[in-house]
Amino acid sequence: EPNGSQFGSEPYLITIGNHVTITNQVQFVTHDGGMWIFREKQPDLNVFGPVVVGDNVFIGFRATILPNVTI
């Protein structure tokens, strides 16, 4: 993105409403890549989740939005 924001590797899990401002370097994280350390004991463990941004929202500089968050 031109402003340095990142929408992760699963952008289809992100929903953005109307009248939303996303400032510079905001990160949308839809998964937890750190789960790989548990793969040996729990091979099916995954942490994926949607990010939902409703209407009339302002997201400030360098915010990080994590999986399963609704704003």
Protein backbone atom coordinates (compact mmCIF):
# COMPACT_ATOMS: atom_id res chain seq x y z
CA GLU A 1 0.00 0.00 0.00
CA PRO A 2 1.17 3.55 -0.65
CA ASN A 3 0.93 4.59 3.02
CA GLY A 4 2.83 1.56 4.31
CA SER A 5 -0.22 -0.24 5.71
CA GLN A 6 -0.26 -4.02 5.41
CA PHE A 7 -3.30 -6.23 5.02
CA GLY A 8 -1.59 -9.57 5.73
CA SER A 9 -1.56 -12.78 3.76
CA GLU A 10 -5.32 -13.34 4.12
CA PRO A 11 -6.88 -10.03 3.07
CA TYR A 12 -10.16 -11.84 2.37
CA LEU A 13 -10.60 -12.08 6.18
CA ILE A 14 -10.67 -8.27 6.52
CA THR A 15 -13.94 -6.33 6.23
CA ILE A 16 -13.88 -2.53 6.17
CA GLY A 17 -17.05 -0.44 6.51
CA ASN A 18 -17.96 2.99 5.18
CA HIS A 19 -16.31 6.27 6.16
CA VAL A 20 -13.14 4.62 7.47
CA THR A 21 -9.74 6.31 7.69
CA ILE A 22 -6.65 4.09 7.91
CA THR A 23 -3.52 6.12 8.57
CA ASN A 24 0.11 5.21 7.81
CA GLN A 25 1.75 1.90 8.67
CA VAL A 26 -1.32 0.17 10.10
CA GLN A 27 -1.01 -3.61 10.17
CA PHE A 28 -3.92 -6.02 9.92
CA VAL A 29 -2.93 -9.44 11.23
CA THR A 30 -5.33 -12.29 10.44
CA HIS A 31 -3.23 -15.20 11.68
CA ASP A 32 -0.65 -16.05 14.30
CA GLY A 33 2.43 -17.42 12.54
CA GLY A 34 4.00 -18.30 15.90
CA MET A 35 1.82 -21.41 16.18
CA TRP A 36 4.35 -23.37 14.14
CA ILE A 37 6.36 -24.07 17.31
CA PHE A 38 3.50 -26.32 18.52
CA ARG A 39 3.08 -28.24 15.23
CA GLU A 40 4.96 -31.31 16.46
CA LYS A 41 2.56 -31.89 19.37
CA GLN A 42 -0.57 -30.35 17.84
CA PRO A 43 -0.33 -30.59 14.04
CA ASP A 44 -3.80 -29.13 13.42
CA LEU A 45 -3.32 -26.03 15.57
CA ASN A 46 -4.02 -22.81 13.69
CA VAL A 47 -4.99 -19.34 14.81
CA PHE A 48 -6.85 -17.55 12.04
CA GLY A 49 -9.53 -14.98 12.51
CA PRO A 50 -11.33 -12.15 10.80
CA VAL A 51 -10.81 -8.46 11.35
CA VAL A 52 -13.98 -6.38 11.10
CA VAL A 53 -13.84 -2.60 10.90
CA GLY A 54 -17.29 -1.04 11.11
CA ASP A 55 -18.53 2.29 9.82
CA ASN A 56 -17.16 5.69 10.91
CA VAL A 57 -13.83 4.41 12.24
CA PHE A 58 -10.44 6.12 12.43
CA ILE A 59 -7.40 3.84 12.85
CA GLY A 60 -4.29 5.74 13.95
CA PHE A 61 -0.63 5.64 12.99
CA ARG A 62 1.12 2.26 13.34
CA ALA A 63 -1.86 0.51 14.94
CA THR A 64 -1.78 -3.28 14.86
CA ILE A 65 -5.15 -5.00 14.55
CA LEU A 66 -5.06 -8.65 15.63
CA PRO A 67 -7.17 -11.69 14.58
CA ASN A 68 -10.78 -11.91 15.80
CA VAL A 69 -11.04 -8.17 16.50
CA THR A 70 -14.06 -6.02 15.69
CA ILE A 71 -13.76 -2.23 15.78
